[in-house]
Protein backbone atom coordinates (compact mmCIF):
# COMPACT_ATOMS: atom_id res chain seq x y z
CA MET A 1 0.00 0.00 0.00
CA HIS A 2 1.25 3.48 -0.87
CA ILE A 3 2.82 5.31 2.08
CA MET A 4 0.53 8.32 1.58
CA THR A 5 -2.52 6.05 1.78
CA LYS A 6 -1.31 4.49 5.03
CA VAL A 7 -0.68 7.88 6.61
CA THR A 8 -4.09 9.21 5.54
CA LEU A 9 -6.01 6.19 6.81
CA GLY A 10 -4.04 6.15 10.07
CA LEU A 11 -4.63 9.86 10.66
CA GLY A 12 -8.33 9.47 9.95
CA ALA A 13 -8.65 6.54 12.36
CA VAL A 14 -6.83 8.35 15.19
CA LEU A 15 -8.88 11.52 14.67
CA PHE A 16 -12.10 9.48 14.64
CA VAL A 17 -11.27 7.77 17.97
CA ILE A 18 -10.22 11.02 19.71
CA SER A 19 -13.27 12.90 18.42
CA GLY A 20 -15.56 10.08 19.48
CA ILE A 21 -14.19 10.18 23.02
CA ALA A 22 -14.57 13.99 23.18
CA PHE A 23 -18.13 13.76 21.90
CA ALA A 24 -19.03 11.06 24.45
CA ILE A 25 -17.57 13.01 27.39
CA GLY A 26 -19.23 16.27 26.30
CA GLY A 27 -22.56 14.54 25.75
CA ALA A 28 -22.39 12.90 29.17
CA GLU A 29 -21.75 16.29 30.83
CA LEU A 30 -24.71 17.85 29.00
CA ASP A 31 -26.94 14.93 29.91
CA SER A 32 -25.93 15.18 33.55
CA ALA A 33 -26.68 18.93 33.58
CA MET A 34 -30.17 18.38 32.17
CA ASP A 35 -31.04 15.31 34.21
CA ARG A 36 -31.77 16.83 37.62
CA ASP A 37 -34.73 17.54 39.84
CA ARG A 38 -34.31 21.29 40.26
CA ALA A 39 -33.15 24.38 38.37
CA GLY A 40 -29.77 24.46 40.09
CA GLU A 41 -27.91 24.25 43.36
CA VAL A 42 -28.80 26.46 46.33
CA TYR A 43 -26.44 29.45 46.18
CA TRP A 44 -27.89 31.66 48.91
CA THR A 45 -30.92 31.92 51.21
CA GLY A 46 -32.14 34.80 53.37
CA ASN A 47 -35.08 36.93 54.39
CA THR A 48 -36.36 40.27 53.17
CA PRO A 49 -35.30 42.96 53.40
CA ALA A 50 -31.67 42.03 52.78
CA THR A 51 -28.54 42.94 50.87
CA PHE A 52 -26.36 40.09 49.68
CA SER A 53 -22.79 40.38 48.38
CA GLY A 54 -21.38 37.39 46.55
CA GLU A 55 -19.22 36.11 43.72
CA PHE A 56 -21.22 35.79 40.51
CA ASN A 57 -19.81 33.99 37.47
CA TRP A 58 -20.57 34.86 33.85
CA ASP A 59 -21.04 31.17 32.95
CA SER A 60 -23.82 30.60 35.52
CA ASN A 61 -27.49 31.51 35.74
CA TYR A 62 -28.83 32.75 39.08
CA TYR A 63 -32.54 32.16 39.58
CA VAL A 64 -34.29 34.12 42.33
CA PHE A 65 -37.25 32.69 44.28
CA ILE A 66 -39.47 34.35 46.88
CA GLU A 67 -41.65 32.71 49.50
CA GLU A 68 -44.96 31.69 47.94
CA GLY A 69 -47.63 34.38 48.31
CA ARG A 70 -45.07 37.14 48.88
CA SER A 71 -43.38 39.66 46.58
CA VAL A 72 -39.91 41.17 46.37
CA SER A 73 -38.00 43.85 44.47
CA VAL A 74 -34.51 42.84 43.36
CA GLU A 75 -31.73 45.19 42.28
CA VAL A 76 -28.09 44.60 41.35
CA LEU A 77 -26.34 47.57 42.94
CA ASP A 78 -24.00 49.50 40.63
CA GLY A 79 -25.24 47.31 37.81
CA ASP A 80 -26.01 48.27 34.22
CA GLU A 81 -27.81 46.81 31.21
CA TYR A 82 -25.28 43.97 31.05
CA ASN A 83 -25.23 43.18 34.78
CA ARG A 84 -28.69 43.32 36.28
CA PHE A 85 -31.75 41.52 37.59
CA ILE A 86 -34.15 40.39 34.85
CA PRO A 87 -37.75 40.03 36.12
CA CYS A 88 -39.52 36.94 34.81
CA GLU A 89 -42.24 39.15 33.33
CA GLU A 90 -39.66 40.66 31.01
CA ASP A 91 -38.84 37.40 29.22
CA ASN A 92 -42.10 35.55 30.00
CA SER A 93 -40.31 32.91 32.09
CA CYS A 94 -42.42 33.09 35.27
CA ASP A 95 -43.75 29.56 34.74
CA TYR A 96 -40.43 27.99 33.76
CA PHE A 97 -39.27 26.98 37.23
CA TYR A 98 -41.02 25.60 40.28
CA GLU A 99 -39.73 25.09 43.80
CA PRO A 100 -42.09 23.85 46.55
CA GLY A 101 -43.14 26.79 48.75
CA TYR A 102 -41.53 29.39 46.46
CA THR A 103 -42.37 31.52 43.44
CA TYR A 104 -39.86 32.24 40.70
CA VAL A 105 -39.43 35.99 40.15
CA GLY A 106 -36.50 36.26 37.71
CA ASP A 107 -32.76 35.76 37.34
CA ILE A 108 -29.62 37.73 38.05
CA TYR A 109 -27.59 38.11 34.86
CA VAL A 110 -23.94 39.15 34.93
CA GLU A 111 -21.81 39.52 31.84
CA GLN A 112 -18.77 40.39 33.91
CA GLY A 113 -17.97 37.85 36.60
CA GLY A 114 -16.98 39.23 39.98
CA THR A 115 -18.34 40.36 43.32
CA TRP A 116 -21.77 41.96 43.03
CA GLU A 117 -24.11 43.32 45.66
CA VAL A 118 -27.81 42.46 45.35
CA LYS A 119 -30.55 44.28 47.25
CA PHE A 120 -33.84 42.59 48.15
CA SER A 121 -36.71 44.82 49.26
CA GLY A 122 -39.64 42.97 50.82
CA ASP A 123 -43.35 43.71 50.69
CA VAL A 124 -45.28 45.32 53.56
CA VAL A 125 -45.25 42.01 55.43
CA GLY A 126 -41.45 41.63 55.30
CA ASP A 127 -39.43 38.70 56.59
CA SER A 128 -40.10 36.71 53.40
CA ASP A 129 -37.86 33.79 52.54
CA ILE A 130 -35.57 34.32 49.53
CA MET A 131 -33.57 31.70 47.68
CA ILE A 132 -31.05 31.94 44.84
CA LEU A 133 -30.29 28.83 42.79
CA GLU A 134 -27.10 28.72 40.74
CA ASP A 135 -27.30 26.89 37.41
CA LYS A 136 -23.80 26.38 36.00
CA ILE A 137 -23.75 26.39 32.21
CA PRO A 138 -21.90 23.26 30.98
CA VAL A 139 -19.52 25.17 28.70
CA GLY A 140 -17.09 22.26 28.61
CA GLY A 141 -19.87 19.88 27.65
CA PHE A 142 -20.98 22.12 24.78
CA LEU A 143 -17.43 22.52 23.51
CA GLY A 144 -16.68 18.81 23.85
CA ALA A 145 -19.83 17.72 22.04
CA PHE A 146 -19.47 20.33 19.29
CA GLY A 147 -15.74 19.74 18.83
CA GLY A 148 -16.21 15.98 18.85
CA CYS A 149 -18.96 16.20 16.24
CA CYS A 150 -16.80 18.37 13.98
CA GLY A 151 -13.85 16.05 14.52
CA ILE A 152 -15.88 12.98 13.59
CA CYS A 153 -17.02 14.65 10.37
CA GLY A 154 -13.41 15.60 9.58
CA ALA A 155 -12.20 12.08 10.37
CA LEU A 156 -14.79 10.54 8.05
CA LEU A 157 -13.67 12.90 5.29
CA VAL A 158 -10.02 11.91 5.82
CA LEU A 159 -10.96 8.21 5.79
CA ILE A 160 -12.89 8.68 2.55
CA ILE A 161 -9.85 10.38 1.01
CA GLY A 162 -7.68 7.51 2.24
CA GLY A 163 -10.05 5.00 0.70
CA VAL A 164 -9.94 6.80 -2.63
CA LEU A 165 -6.15 6.86 -2.51
CA ALA A 166 -6.09 3.16 -1.72
CA LEU A 167 -8.12 2.45 -4.86
CA THR A 168 -6.24 4.78 -7.19
CA LEU A 169 -2.64 4.68 -5.97
CA LYS A 170 -1.82 1.00 -6.31
CA ASP A 171 1.75 -0.23 -6.11
CA GLN A 172 3.28 -0.08 -9.51
CA PRO A 173 4.78 -3.37 -10.80
CA LYS A 174 8.54 -3.52 -10.99
CA VAL A 175 9.84 -3.32 -14.55
CA GLN A 176 13.34 -4.54 -15.27
CA THR A 177 15.35 -4.05 -18.43
CA SER A 178 18.29 -6.33 -19.18
CA ILE A 179 21.22 -4.94 -21.13
CA GLN A 180 24.05 -7.28 -22.28
CA PHE A 181 27.56 -5.81 -22.39
CA ASP A 182 29.85 -8.57 -23.60
CA ASN A 183 29.87 -11.01 -20.68
CA ASP A 184 28.35 -8.61 -18.12
CA LEU A 185 24.60 -8.48 -17.53
CA VAL A 186 23.33 -5.16 -16.24
CA VAL A 187 19.78 -5.13 -14.84
CA VAL A 188 18.08 -1.74 -14.79
CA ASN A 189 15.06 -1.39 -12.46
CA GLU A 190 12.69 1.13 -14.02
CA ASN A 191 10.30 1.28 -11.07
CA PRO A 192 10.10 5.04 -10.24
CA GLU A 193 9.91 4.34 -6.52
CA ASP A 194 12.89 2.00 -6.42
CA SER A 195 15.46 3.03 -8.99
CA LYS A 196 18.43 0.74 -8.30
CA TYR A 197 20.92 -0.88 -10.60
CA ASP A 198 21.92 -4.49 -10.03
CA GLN A 199 24.87 -5.96 -11.85
CA ASP A 200 25.37 -9.67 -12.44
CA ASP A 201 29.00 -10.55 -13.11
CA SER A 202 28.16 -14.01 -14.27
CA ALA A 203 30.15 -15.04 -17.30
C-alpha cells in the first residue's frame, strides 16, 4: 500500500477515535446537567429585606425565588444593562421553574464575573424567605460535544480520502530491463519508486 494512503487512513482513524471520546464526554456532561430535579444548586438563602454580596460567574445563571404568596423587588447595585436583575415578566419565564413553597421571580444576569451586591426589598409584610439557585452552564460539555462532532465529520472525510487513494494509488509493478555488455549483464530497475541498478558478473 502506498505510504501516503497508510498515513491518511491512520490519521483518519486516530482523529475518529479522539473525536468520538470527546463527543461522548461532552454529551455525558450535557446529559448530567439536564437530568436533575431542580433548576440548580442552592447558592444563597435569606429573608427580606436584605442585601447580599457574593461572587457571581458569567457562565452561571442565578434564579431568584421568593416565598410563595409574597413579593420582592430585586436590584443589582452599581449594575447596568449587562449586569442586572431580569424580572420573569420581562422574558415571559415566570412559569419555567417551580420550587415547593416558592415563586420564581426572575434571574440575576452578569456579563462580567466578579463580586456583586444584590438588594432585596420585601413587601409590607417583610421577613419573606428568599432563595437563589445557581445553574452552571456546561460550557465544557458544549465545547466537547461540538468539537467531537466536527472532529468525527473531519475524520470521516479523511478516511474517505484515504479509501480513494487506496483504490487509485496502487503499487506499480517492478519493470526490469536487461542490457548485455559482452559477458556482463546489467539489470536496470525502471520502477520510479525503487530506482536501483543491479549488476550480475556471471560469465
